[in-house]
PDB file of all heavy atoms in Angstrom:
ATOM      1  N   SER A   1     -89.628 354.444 309.954  1.00  0.00           N
ATOM      2  CA  SER A   1     -89.022 355.010 308.752  1.00  0.00           C
ATOM      3  C   SER A   1     -88.180 356.226 309.118  1.00  0.00           C
ATOM      4  O   SER A   1     -88.567 357.027 309.971  1.00  0.00           O
ATOM      5  CB  SER A   1     -90.117 355.420 307.757  1.00  0.00           C
ATOM      6  OG  SER A   1     -89.575 356.193 306.713  1.00  0.00           O
ATOM      7  N   PRO A   2     -87.022 356.416 308.467  1.00  0.00           N
ATOM      8  CA  PRO A   2     -86.218 357.615 308.754  1.00  0.00           C
ATOM      9  C   PRO A   2     -86.900 358.896 308.336  1.00  0.00           C
ATOM     10  O   PRO A   2     -86.530 359.966 308.782  1.00  0.00           O
ATOM     11  CB  PRO A   2     -84.945 357.378 307.931  1.00  0.00           C
ATOM     12  CG  PRO A   2     -85.338 356.398 306.864  1.00  0.00           C
ATOM     13  CD  PRO A   2     -86.389 355.539 307.476  1.00  0.00           C
ATOM     14  N   ASP A   3     -87.913 358.767 307.480  1.00  0.00           N
ATOM     15  CA  ASP A   3     -88.640 359.965 307.034  1.00  0.00           C
ATOM     16  C   ASP A   3     -89.688 360.410 308.038  1.00  0.00           C
ATOM     17  O   ASP A   3     -90.232 361.503 307.951  1.00  0.00           O
ATOM     18  CB  ASP A   3     -89.321 359.707 305.689  1.00  0.00           C
ATOM     19  CG  ASP A   3     -88.305 359.414 304.595  1.00  0.00           C
ATOM     20  OD1 ASP A   3     -87.181 359.964 304.685  1.00  0.00           O
ATOM     21  OD2 ASP A   3     -88.624 358.644 303.683  1.00  0.00           O
ATOM     22  N   ASP A   4     -90.052 359.527 308.980  1.00  0.00           N
ATOM     23  CA  ASP A   4     -91.063 359.881 309.968  1.00  0.00           C
ATOM     24  C   ASP A   4     -90.492 360.856 310.982  1.00  0.00           C
ATOM     25  O   ASP A   4     -89.346 360.729 311.420  1.00  0.00           O
ATOM     26  CB  ASP A   4     -91.561 358.639 310.726  1.00  0.00           C
ATOM     27  CG  ASP A   4     -92.332 357.701 309.815  1.00  0.00           C
ATOM     28  OD1 ASP A   4     -92.942 358.214 308.854  1.00  0.00           O
ATOM     29  OD2 ASP A   4     -92.306 356.480 310.061  1.00  0.00           O
ATOM     30  N   VAL A   5     -91.322 361.825 311.366  1.00  0.00           N
ATOM     31  CA  VAL A   5     -90.928 362.731 312.445  1.00  0.00           C
ATOM     32  C   VAL A   5     -91.361 362.090 313.747  1.00  0.00           C
ATOM     33  O   VAL A   5     -92.536 362.071 314.086  1.00  0.00           O
ATOM     34  CB  VAL A   5     -91.586 364.110 312.280  1.00  0.00           C
ATOM     35  CG1 VAL A   5     -91.182 365.024 313.421  1.00  0.00           C
ATOM     36  CG2 VAL A   5     -91.213 364.716 310.943  1.00  0.00           C
ATOM     37  N   VAL A   6     -90.406 361.503 314.458  1.00  0.00           N
ATOM     38  CA  VAL A   6     -90.705 360.762 315.671  1.00  0.00           C
ATOM     39  C   VAL A   6     -90.131 361.515 316.857  1.00  0.00           C
ATOM     40  O   VAL A   6     -88.933 361.726 316.935  1.00  0.00           O
ATOM     41  CB  VAL A   6     -90.114 359.334 315.613  1.00  0.00           C
ATOM     42  CG1 VAL A   6     -90.473 358.559 316.859  1.00  0.00           C
ATOM     43  CG2 VAL A   6     -90.586 358.620 314.368  1.00  0.00           C
ATOM     44  N   GLU A   7     -90.989 361.927 317.774  1.00  0.00           N
ATOM     45  CA  GLU A   7     -90.490 362.660 318.929  1.00  0.00           C
ATOM     46  C   GLU A   7     -89.873 361.707 319.937  1.00  0.00           C
ATOM     47  O   GLU A   7     -90.159 360.518 319.955  1.00  0.00           O
ATOM     48  CB  GLU A   7     -91.631 363.450 319.577  1.00  0.00           C
ATOM     49  CG  GLU A   7     -92.522 362.630 320.465  1.00  0.00           C
ATOM     50  CD  GLU A   7     -93.538 363.499 321.177  1.00  0.00           C
ATOM     51  OE1 GLU A   7     -94.315 364.158 320.495  1.00  0.00           O
ATOM     52  OE2 GLU A   7     -93.533 363.499 322.418  1.00  0.00           O
ATOM     53  N   ASP A   8     -88.998 362.224 320.712  1.00  0.00           N
ATOM     54  CA  ASP A   8     -88.323 361.418 321.717  1.00  0.00           C
ATOM     55  C   ASP A   8     -89.341 360.813 322.663  1.00  0.00           C
ATOM     56  O   ASP A   8     -90.109 361.513 323.312  1.00  0.00           O
ATOM     57  CB  ASP A   8     -87.356 362.304 322.509  1.00  0.00           C
ATOM     58  CG  ASP A   8     -86.564 361.515 323.537  1.00  0.00           C
ATOM     59  OD1 ASP A   8     -86.705 360.281 323.575  1.00  0.00           O
ATOM     60  OD2 ASP A   8     -85.811 362.154 324.287  1.00  0.00           O
ATOM     61  N   LYS A   9     -89.346 359.470 322.751  1.00  0.00           N
ATOM     62  CA  LYS A   9     -90.359 358.794 323.557  1.00  0.00           C
ATOM     63  C   LYS A   9     -90.143 359.017 325.052  1.00  0.00           C
ATOM     64  O   LYS A   9     -91.039 358.754 325.844  1.00  0.00           O
ATOM     65  CB  LYS A   9     -90.338 357.292 323.251  1.00  0.00           C
ATOM     66  CG  LYS A   9     -90.533 356.954 321.778  1.00  0.00           C
ATOM     67  CD  LYS A   9     -91.872 357.394 321.263  1.00  0.00           C
ATOM     68  CE  LYS A   9     -92.066 356.990 319.814  1.00  0.00           C
ATOM     69  NZ  LYS A   9     -93.325 357.435 319.259  1.00  0.00           N
ATOM     70  N   GLN A  10     -88.956 359.466 325.436  1.00  0.00           N
ATOM     71  CA  GLN A  10     -88.679 359.666 326.847  1.00  0.00           C
ATOM     72  C   GLN A  10     -89.164 361.030 327.332  1.00  0.00           C
ATOM     73  O   GLN A  10     -89.351 361.226 328.526  1.00  0.00           O
ATOM     74  CB  GLN A  10     -87.167 359.544 327.104  1.00  0.00           C
ATOM     75  CG  GLN A  10     -86.582 358.195 326.697  1.00  0.00           C
ATOM     76  CD  GLN A  10     -87.259 357.050 327.409  1.00  0.00           C
ATOM     77  OE1 GLN A  10     -87.482 357.140 328.609  1.00  0.00           O
ATOM     78  NE2 GLN A  10     -87.600 356.007 326.701  1.00  0.00           N
ATOM     79  N   THR A  11     -89.317 361.976 326.413  1.00  0.00           N
ATOM     80  CA  THR A  11     -89.692 363.315 326.834  1.00  0.00           C
ATOM     81  C   THR A  11     -91.180 363.391 327.092  1.00  0.00           C
ATOM     82  O   THR A  11     -91.987 362.857 326.344  1.00  0.00           O
ATOM     83  CB  THR A  11     -89.314 364.343 325.757  1.00  0.00           C
ATOM     84  OG1 THR A  11     -90.000 364.027 324.541  1.00  0.00           O
ATOM     85  CG2 THR A  11     -87.824 364.319 325.504  1.00  0.00           C
ATOM     86  N   GLU A  12     -91.533 364.027 328.164  1.00  0.00           N
ATOM     87  CA  GLU A  12     -92.939 364.242 328.496  1.00  0.00           C
ATOM     88  C   GLU A  12     -93.108 365.672 328.966  1.00  0.00           C
ATOM     89  O   GLU A  12     -92.257 366.218 329.675  1.00  0.00           O
ATOM     90  CB  GLU A  12     -93.401 363.284 329.591  1.00  0.00           C
ATOM     91  CG  GLU A  12     -93.870 361.956 329.059  1.00  0.00           C
ATOM     92  CD  GLU A  12     -94.500 361.110 330.154  1.00  0.00           C
ATOM     93  OE1 GLU A  12     -94.442 361.527 331.327  1.00  0.00           O
ATOM     94  OE2 GLU A  12     -95.040 360.048 329.843  1.00  0.00           O
ATOM     95  N   GLU A  13     -94.208 366.258 328.569  1.00  0.00           N
ATOM     96  CA  GLU A  13     -94.501 367.614 328.971  1.00  0.00           C
ATOM     97  C   GLU A  13     -94.831 367.654 330.459  1.00  0.00           C
ATOM     98  O   GLU A  13     -95.508 366.764 330.971  1.00  0.00           O
ATOM     99  CB  GLU A  13     -95.679 368.166 328.169  1.00  0.00           C
ATOM    100  CG  GLU A  13     -95.466 368.151 326.665  1.00  0.00           C
ATOM    101  CD  GLU A  13     -95.794 366.811 326.018  1.00  0.00           C
ATOM    102  OE1 GLU A  13     -95.955 365.832 326.782  1.00  0.00           O
ATOM    103  OE2 GLU A  13     -95.865 366.749 324.789  1.00  0.00           O
ATOM    104  N   PRO A  14     -94.363 368.639 331.190  1.00  0.00           N
ATOM    105  CA  PRO A  14     -94.750 368.760 332.599  1.00  0.00           C
ATOM    106  C   PRO A  14     -96.254 368.998 332.726  1.00  0.00           C
ATOM    107  O   PRO A  14     -96.890 369.525 331.810  1.00  0.00           O
ATOM    108  CB  PRO A  14     -93.938 369.963 333.093  1.00  0.00           C
ATOM    109  CG  PRO A  14     -93.565 370.718 331.868  1.00  0.00           C
ATOM    110  CD  PRO A  14     -93.439 369.708 330.763  1.00  0.00           C
ATOM    111  N   LEU A  15     -96.793 368.608 333.846  1.00  0.00           N
ATOM    112  CA  LEU A  15     -98.239 368.662 334.049  1.00  0.00           C
ATOM    113  C   LEU A  15     -98.791 370.072 333.864  1.00  0.00           C
ATOM    114  O   LEU A  15     -99.887 370.248 333.314  1.00  0.00           O
ATOM    115  CB  LEU A  15     -98.573 368.139 335.457  1.00  0.00           C
ATOM    116  CG  LEU A  15    -100.060 368.078 335.822  1.00  0.00           C
ATOM    117  CD1 LEU A  15    -100.810 367.151 334.877  1.00  0.00           C
ATOM    118  CD2 LEU A  15    -100.230 367.638 337.272  1.00  0.00           C
ATOM    119  N   ARG A  16     -98.039 371.081 334.299  1.00  0.00           N
ATOM    120  CA  ARG A  16     -98.545 372.459 334.202  1.00  0.00           C
ATOM    121  C   ARG A  16     -98.760 372.883 332.745  1.00  0.00           C
ATOM    122  O   ARG A  16     -99.559 373.775 332.475  1.00  0.00           O
ATOM    123  CB  ARG A  16     -97.582 373.417 334.885  1.00  0.00           C
ATOM    124  CG  ARG A  16     -96.211 373.524 334.223  1.00  0.00           C
ATOM    125  CD  ARG A  16     -95.316 374.527 334.903  1.00  0.00           C
ATOM    126  NE  ARG A  16     -94.014 374.620 334.259  1.00  0.00           N
ATOM    127  CZ  ARG A  16     -92.995 373.846 334.541  1.00  0.00           C
ATOM    128  NH1 ARG A  16     -93.125 372.907 335.491  1.00  0.00           N
ATOM    129  NH2 ARG A  16     -91.840 373.978 333.903  1.00  0.00           N
ATOM    130  N   ASP A  17     -98.041 372.232 331.806  1.00  0.00           N
ATOM    131  CA  ASP A  17     -98.174 372.602 330.397  1.00  0.00           C
ATOM    132  C   ASP A  17     -99.349 371.907 329.705  1.00  0.00           C
ATOM    133  O   ASP A  17     -99.794 372.363 328.653  1.00  0.00           O
ATOM    134  CB  ASP A  17     -96.880 372.269 329.639  1.00  0.00           C
ATOM    135  CG  ASP A  17     -95.714 373.145 330.077  1.00  0.00           C
ATOM    136  OD1 ASP A  17     -95.974 374.188 330.712  1.00  0.00           O
ATOM    137  OD2 ASP A  17     -94.558 372.782 329.791  1.00  0.00           O
ATOM    138  N   VAL A  18     -99.821 370.799 330.279  1.00  0.00           N
ATOM    139  CA  VAL A  18    -100.870 370.015 329.591  1.00  0.00           C
ATOM    140  C   VAL A  18    -102.126 369.828 330.438  1.00  0.00           C
ATOM    141  O   VAL A  18    -103.043 369.136 330.019  1.00  0.00           O
ATOM    142  CB  VAL A  18    -100.306 368.635 329.183  1.00  0.00           C
ATOM    143  CG1 VAL A  18     -99.194 368.781 328.162  1.00  0.00           C
ATOM    144  CG2 VAL A  18     -99.827 367.848 330.396  1.00  0.00           C
ATOM    145  N   ILE A  19    -102.152 370.456 331.609  1.00  0.00           N
ATOM    146  CA  ILE A  19    -103.283 370.236 332.519  1.00  0.00           C
ATOM    147  C   ILE A  19    -104.608 370.638 331.886  1.00  0.00           C
ATOM    148  O   ILE A  19    -105.635 369.993 332.102  1.00  0.00           O
ATOM    149  CB  ILE A  19    -103.054 371.000 333.853  1.00  0.00           C
ATOM    150  CG1 ILE A  19    -104.154 370.678 334.861  1.00  0.00           C
ATOM    151  CG2 ILE A  19    -102.969 372.503 333.613  1.00  0.00           C
ATOM    152  CD1 ILE A  19    -104.157 369.261 335.329  1.00  0.00           C
ATOM    153  N   TRP A  20    -104.587 371.699 331.063  1.00  0.00           N
ATOM    154  CA  TRP A  20    -105.836 372.180 330.464  1.00  0.00           C
ATOM    155  C   TRP A  20    -106.289 371.302 329.300  1.00  0.00           C
ATOM    156  O   TRP A  20    -107.404 371.448 328.818  1.00  0.00           O
ATOM    157  CB  TRP A  20    -105.686 373.624 330.023  1.00  0.00           C
ATOM    158  CG  TRP A  20    -105.345 374.524 331.166  1.00  0.00           C
ATOM    159  CD1 TRP A  20    -104.191 375.211 331.365  1.00  0.00           C
ATOM    160  CD2 TRP A  20    -106.166 374.799 332.302  1.00  0.00           C
ATOM    161  NE1 TRP A  20    -104.223 375.907 332.546  1.00  0.00           N
ATOM    162  CE2 TRP A  20    -105.432 375.674 333.154  1.00  0.00           C
ATOM    163  CE3 TRP A  20    -107.445 374.393 332.704  1.00  0.00           C
ATOM    164  CZ2 TRP A  20    -105.942 376.137 334.368  1.00  0.00           C
ATOM    165  CZ3 TRP A  20    -107.945 374.858 333.917  1.00  0.00           C
ATOM    166  CH2 TRP A  20    -107.199 375.719 334.722  1.00  0.00           C
ATOM    167  N   ILE A  21    -105.424 370.404 328.868  1.00  0.00           N
ATOM    168  CA  ILE A  21    -105.837 369.367 327.919  1.00  0.00           C
ATOM    169  C   ILE A  21    -106.318 368.134 328.674  1.00  0.00           C
ATOM    170  O   ILE A  21    -107.324 367.516 328.312  1.00  0.00           O
ATOM    171  CB  ILE A  21    -104.679 368.993 326.964  1.00  0.00           C
ATOM    172  CG1 ILE A  21    -104.299 370.192 326.095  1.00  0.00           C
ATOM    173  CG2 ILE A  21    -105.055 367.808 326.085  1.00  0.00           C
ATOM    174  CD1 ILE A  21    -103.117 369.928 325.182  1.00  0.00           C
ATOM    175  N   LEU A  22    -105.618 367.793 329.744  1.00  0.00           N
ATOM    176  CA  LEU A  22    -105.931 366.560 330.468  1.00  0.00           C
ATOM    177  C   LEU A  22    -107.279 366.622 331.193  1.00  0.00           C
ATOM    178  O   LEU A  22    -107.971 365.607 331.286  1.00  0.00           O
ATOM    179  CB  LEU A  22    -104.824 366.257 331.479  1.00  0.00           C
ATOM    180  CG  LEU A  22    -103.442 365.932 330.887  1.00  0.00           C
ATOM    181  CD1 LEU A  22    -102.442 365.679 332.003  1.00  0.00           C
ATOM    182  CD2 LEU A  22    -103.527 364.735 329.956  1.00  0.00           C
ATOM    183  N   ILE A  23    -107.656 367.798 331.699  1.00  0.00           N
ATOM    184  CA  ILE A  23    -108.937 367.896 332.418  1.00  0.00           C
ATOM    185  C   ILE A  23    -110.115 367.603 331.490  1.00  0.00           C
ATOM    186  O   ILE A  23    -110.946 366.720 331.802  1.00  0.00           O
ATOM    187  CB  ILE A  23    -109.075 369.278 333.093  1.00  0.00           C
ATOM    188  CG1 ILE A  23    -108.081 369.394 334.252  1.00  0.00           C
ATOM    189  CG2 ILE A  23    -110.500 369.484 333.604  1.00  0.00           C
ATOM    190  CD1 ILE A  23    -108.062 370.764 334.902  1.00  0.00           C
ATOM    191  N   PRO A  24    -110.268 368.299 330.357  1.00  0.00           N
ATOM    192  CA  PRO A  24    -111.385 367.943 329.477  1.00  0.00           C
ATOM    193  C   PRO A  24    -111.228 366.546 328.873  1.00  0.00           C
ATOM    194  O   PRO A  24    -112.235 365.882 328.586  1.00  0.00           O
ATOM    195  CB  PRO A  24    -111.358 369.023 328.394  1.00  0.00           C
ATOM    196  CG  PRO A  24    -109.988 369.592 328.417  1.00  0.00           C
ATOM    197  CD  PRO A  24    -109.535 369.473 329.837  1.00  0.00           C
ATOM    198  N   LEU A  25    -109.987 366.066 328.688  1.00  0.00           N
ATOM    199  CA  LEU A  25    -109.782 364.703 328.197  1.00  0.00           C
ATOM    200  C   LEU A  25    -110.299 363.688 329.210  1.00  0.00           C
ATOM    201  O   LEU A  25    -110.928 362.680 328.838  1.00  0.00           O
ATOM    202  CB  LEU A  25    -108.298 364.465 327.917  1.00  0.00           C
ATOM    203  CG  LEU A  25    -107.925 363.055 327.451  1.00  0.00           C
ATOM    204  CD1 LEU A  25    -108.603 362.715 326.133  1.00  0.00           C
ATOM    205  CD2 LEU A  25    -106.405 362.912 327.332  1.00  0.00           C
ATOM    206  N   PHE A  26    -110.040 363.928 330.482  1.00  0.00           N
ATOM    207  CA  PHE A  26    -110.557 363.059 331.539  1.00  0.00           C
ATOM    208  C   PHE A  26    -112.086 362.994 331.481  1.00  0.00           C
ATOM    209  O   PHE A  26    -112.682 361.919 331.538  1.00  0.00           O
ATOM    210  CB  PHE A  26    -110.097 363.579 332.899  1.00  0.00           C
ATOM    211  CG  PHE A  26    -110.525 362.728 334.061  1.00  0.00           C
ATOM    212  CD1 PHE A  26    -109.697 361.740 334.552  1.00  0.00           C
ATOM    213  CD2 PHE A  26    -111.765 362.928 334.659  1.00  0.00           C
ATOM    214  CE1 PHE A  26    -110.085 360.959 335.629  1.00  0.00           C
ATOM    215  CE2 PHE A  26    -112.172 362.148 335.734  1.00  0.00           C
ATOM    216  CZ  PHE A  26    -111.330 361.156 336.218  1.00  0.00           C
ATOM    217  N   LEU A  27    -112.715 364.149 331.349  1.00  0.00           N
ATOM    218  CA  LEU A  27    -114.177 364.199 331.292  1.00  0.00           C
ATOM    219  C   LEU A  27    -114.704 363.542 330.014  1.00  0.00           C
ATOM    220  O   LEU A  27    -115.747 362.893 330.025  1.00  0.00           O
ATOM    221  CB  LEU A  27    -114.648 365.646 331.376  1.00  0.00           C
ATOM    222  CG  LEU A  27    -114.322 366.359 332.694  1.00  0.00           C
ATOM    223  CD1 LEU A  27    -114.689 367.835 332.610  1.00  0.00           C
ATOM    224  CD2 LEU A  27    -115.040 365.700 333.854  1.00  0.00           C
ATOM    225  N   TYR A  28    -113.961 363.705 328.920  1.00  0.00           N
ATOM    226  CA  TYR A  28    -114.338 363.060 327.649  1.00  0.00           C
ATOM    227  C   TYR A  28    -114.352 361.541 327.806  1.00  0.00           C
ATOM    228  O   TYR A  28    -115.299 360.867 327.384  1.00  0.00           O
ATOM    229  CB  TYR A  28    -113.350 363.489 326.568  1.00  0.00           C
ATOM    230  CG  TYR A  28    -113.479 362.744 325.261  1.00  0.00           C
ATOM    231  CD1 TYR A  28    -114.272 363.245 324.225  1.00  0.00           C
ATOM    232  CD2 TYR A  28    -112.799 361.549 325.045  1.00  0.00           C
ATOM    233  CE1 TYR A  28    -114.376 362.554 323.026  1.00  0.00           C
ATOM    234  CE2 TYR A  28    -112.900 360.867 323.848  1.00  0.00           C
ATOM    235  CZ  TYR A  28    -113.688 361.368 322.840  1.00  0.00           C
ATOM    236  OH  TYR A  28    -113.803 360.690 321.653  1.00  0.00           O
ATOM    237  N   CYS A  29    -113.296 360.981 328.422  1.00  0.00           N
ATOM    238  CA  CYS A  29    -113.226 359.530 328.620  1.00  0.00           C
ATOM    239  C   CYS A  29    -114.280 359.068 329.624  1.00  0.00           C
ATOM    240  O   CYS A  29    -114.859 357.980 329.477  1.00  0.00           O
ATOM    241  CB  CYS A  29    -111.833 359.134 329.097  1.00  0.00           C
ATOM    242  SG  CYS A  29    -110.530 359.518 327.921  1.00  0.00           S
ATOM    243  N   PHE A  30    -114.522 359.881 330.640  1.00  0.00           N
ATOM    244  CA  PHE A  30    -115.586 359.608 331.606  1.00  0.00           C
ATOM    245  C   PHE A  30    -116.922 359.423 330.887  1.00  0.00           C
ATOM    246  O   PHE A  30    -117.652 358.456 331.130  1.00  0.00           O
ATOM    247  CB  PHE A  30    -115.660 360.779 332.593  1.00  0.00           C
ATOM    248  CG  PHE A  30    -116.787 360.707 333.580  1.00  0.00           C
ATOM    249  CD1 PHE A  30    -116.574 360.190 334.849  1.00  0.00           C
ATOM    250  CD2 PHE A  30    -118.053 361.175 333.260  1.00  0.00           C
ATOM    251  CE1 PHE A  30    -117.614 360.139 335.771  1.00  0.00           C
ATOM    252  CE2 PHE A  30    -119.092 361.128 334.176  1.00  0.00           C
ATOM    253  CZ  PHE A  30    -118.874 360.604 335.432  1.00  0.00           C
ATOM    254  N   CYS A  31    -117.219 360.337 329.982  1.00  0.00           N
ATOM    255  CA  CYS A  31    -118.494 360.279 329.251  1.00  0.00           C
ATOM    256  C   CYS A  31    -118.509 359.155 328.222  1.00  0.00           C
ATOM    257  O   CYS A  31    -119.514 358.439 328.088  1.00  0.00           O
ATOM    258  CB  CYS A  31    -118.759 361.610 328.557  1.00  0.00           C
ATOM    259  SG  CYS A  31    -119.001 363.007 329.656  1.00  0.00           S
ATOM    260  N   SER A  32    -117.426 358.986 327.477  1.00  0.00           N
ATOM    261  CA  SER A  32    -117.394 358.033 326.370  1.00  0.00           C
ATOM    262  C   SER A  32    -117.537 356.596 326.850  1.00  0.00           C
ATOM    263  O   SER A  32    -118.402 355.849 326.377  1.00  0.00           O
ATOM    264  CB  SER A  32    -116.102 358.189 325.568  1.00  0.00           C
ATOM    265  OG  SER A  32    -116.003 359.480 325.011  1.00  0.00           O
ATOM    266  N   ILE A  33    -116.694 356.191 327.800  1.00  0.00           N
ATOM    267  CA  ILE A  33    -116.749 354.812 328.293  1.00  0.00           C
ATOM    268  C   ILE A  33    -117.961 354.608 329.187  1.00  0.00           C
ATOM    269  O   ILE A  33    -118.636 353.574 329.106  1.00  0.00           O
ATOM    270  CB  ILE A  33    -115.449 354.478 329.046  1.00  0.00           C
ATOM    271  CG1 ILE A  33    -114.260 354.575 328.087  1.00  0.00           C
ATOM    272  CG2 ILE A  33    -115.529 353.090 329.660  1.00  0.00           C
ATOM    273  CD1 ILE A  33    -112.914 354.309 328.736  1.00  0.00           C
ATOM    274  N   GLY A  34    -118.256 355.601 330.022  1.00  0.00           N
ATOM    275  CA  GLY A  34    -119.421 355.478 330.905  1.00  0.00           C
ATOM    276  C   GLY A  34    -120.722 355.328 330.145  1.00  0.00           C
ATOM    277  O   GLY A  34    -121.550 354.464 330.451  1.00  0.00           O
ATOM    278  N   SER A  35    -120.915 356.142 329.098  1.00  0.00           N
ATOM    279  CA  SER A  35    -122.160 356.066 328.329  1.00  0.00           C
ATOM    280  C   SER A  35    -122.234 354.793 327.501  1.00  0.00           C
ATOM    281  O   SER A  35    -123.315 354.240 327.280  1.00  0.00           O
ATOM    282  CB  SER A  35    -122.302 357.294 327.430  1.00  0.00           C
ATOM    283  OG  SER A  35    -121.194 357.413 326.563  1.00  0.00           O
ATOM    284  N   SER A  36    -121.080 354.300 327.040  1.00  0.00           N
ATOM    285  CA  SER A  36    -121.057 353.040 326.293  1.00  0.00           C
ATOM    286  C   SER A  36    -121.565 351.881 327.147  1.00  0.00           C
ATOM    287  O   SER A  36    -122.442 351.108 326.730  1.00  0.00           O
ATOM    288  CB  SER A  36    -119.637 352.756 325.798  1.00  0.00           C
ATOM    289  OG  SER A  36    -119.541 351.472 325.226  1.00  0.00           O
ATOM    290  N   LEU A  37    -121.021 351.762 328.356  1.00  0.00           N
ATOM    291  CA  LEU A  37    -121.456 350.691 329.260  1.00  0.00           C
ATOM    292  C   LEU A  37    -122.862 350.948 329.786  1.00  0.00           C
ATOM    293  O   LEU A  37    -123.626 350.007 330.026  1.00  0.00           O
ATOM    294  CB  LEU A  37    -120.469 350.566 330.416  1.00  0.00           C
ATOM    295  CG  LEU A  37    -119.046 350.168 330.015  1.00  0.00           C
ATOM    296  CD1 LEU A  37    -118.125 350.180 331.235  1.00  0.00           C
ATOM    297  CD2 LEU A  37    -119.027 348.799 329.363  1.00  0.00           C
ATOM    298  N   LEU A  38    -123.216 352.210 329.944  1.00  0.00           N
ATOM    299  CA  LEU A  38    -124.537 352.568 330.435  1.00  0.00           C
ATOM    300  C   LEU A  38    -125.619 352.100 329.466  1.00  0.00           C
ATOM    301  O   LEU A  38    -126.617 351.482 329.871  1.00  0.00           O
ATOM    302  CB  LEU A  38    -124.618 354.084 330.635  1.00  0.00           C
ATOM    303  CG  LEU A  38    -125.971 354.671 331.042  1.00  0.00           C
ATOM    304  CD1 LEU A  38    -126.433 354.084 332.361  1.00  0.00           C
ATOM    305  CD2 LEU A  38    -125.878 356.193 331.139  1.00  0.00           C
ATOM    306  N   TYR A  39    -125.436 352.372 328.180  1.00  0.00           N
ATOM    307  CA  TYR A  39    -126.438 351.951 327.193  1.00  0.00           C
ATOM    308  C   TYR A  39    -126.521 350.423 327.138  1.00  0.00           C
ATOM    309  O   TYR A  39    -127.616 349.852 327.077  1.00  0.00           O
ATOM    310  CB  TYR A  39    -126.088 352.511 325.814  1.00  0.00           C
ATOM    311  CG  TYR A  39    -127.226 352.440 324.819  1.00  0.00           C
ATOM    312  CD1 TYR A  39    -128.097 353.515 324.673  1.00  0.00           C
ATOM    313  CD2 TYR A  39    -127.439 351.314 324.044  1.00  0.00           C
ATOM    314  CE1 TYR A  39    -129.152 353.468 323.772  1.00  0.00           C
ATOM    315  CE2 TYR A  39    -128.486 351.246 323.139  1.00  0.00           C
ATOM    316  CZ  TYR A  39    -129.342 352.326 323.003  1.00  0.00           C
ATOM    317  OH  TYR A  39    -130.380 352.261 322.110  1.00  0.00           O
ATOM    318  N   GLN A  40    -125.356 349.780 327.173  1.00  0.00           N
ATOM    319  CA  GLN A  40    -125.331 348.321 327.104  1.00  0.00           C
ATOM    320  C   GLN A  40    -126.076 347.691 328.277  1.00  0.00           C
ATOM    321  O   GLN A  40    -126.801 346.700 328.108  1.00  0.00           O
ATOM    322  CB  GLN A  40    -123.882 347.835 327.089  1.00  0.00           C
ATOM    323  CG  GLN A  40    -123.729 346.330 327.085  1.00  0.00           C
ATOM    324  CD  GLN A  40    -122.274 345.934 327.044  1.00  0.00           C
ATOM    325  OE1 GLN A  40    -121.649 345.915 326.003  1.00  0.00           O
ATOM    326  NE2 GLN A  40    -121.713 345.618 328.201  1.00  0.00           N
ATOM    327  N   ASP A  41    -125.901 348.251 329.475  1.00  0.00           N
ATOM    328  CA  ASP A  41    -126.508 347.671 330.662  1.00  0.00           C
ATOM    329  C   ASP A  41    -127.976 348.050 330.844  1.00  0.00           C
ATOM    330  O   ASP A  41    -128.739 347.291 331.457  1.00  0.00           O
ATOM    331  CB  ASP A  41    -125.726 348.112 331.904  1.00  0.00           C
ATOM    332  CG  ASP A  41    -124.372 347.436 332.010  1.00  0.00           C
ATOM    333  OD1 ASP A  41    -124.103 346.550 331.178  1.00  0.00           O
ATOM    334  OD2 ASP A  41    -123.584 347.807 332.897  1.00  0.00           O
ATOM    335  N   MET A  42    -128.390 349.204 330.314  1.00  0.00           N
ATOM    336  CA  MET A  42    -129.723 349.721 330.614  1.00  0.00           C
ATOM    337  C   MET A  42    -130.750 349.554 329.504  1.00  0.00           C
ATOM    338  O   MET A  42    -131.949 349.570 329.767  1.00  0.00           O
ATOM    339  CB  MET A  42    -129.632 351.210 330.979  1.00  0.00           C
ATOM    340  CG  MET A  42    -128.872 351.506 332.249  1.00  0.00           C
ATOM    341  SD  MET A  42    -129.572 350.755 333.744  1.00  0.00           S
ATOM    342  CE  MET A  42    -131.206 351.475 333.777  1.00  0.00           C
TER     343      MET A  42
END
């Protein structure tokens, strides 16, 4: 929709600007998927 605020899909933030988001996000996904499969298997 022309009313949607759509950011340029080609632009990406440099790693130095988002590293402090990506580190806890990595750990979040580590826990979320790992614990899901862990409960299922155990």
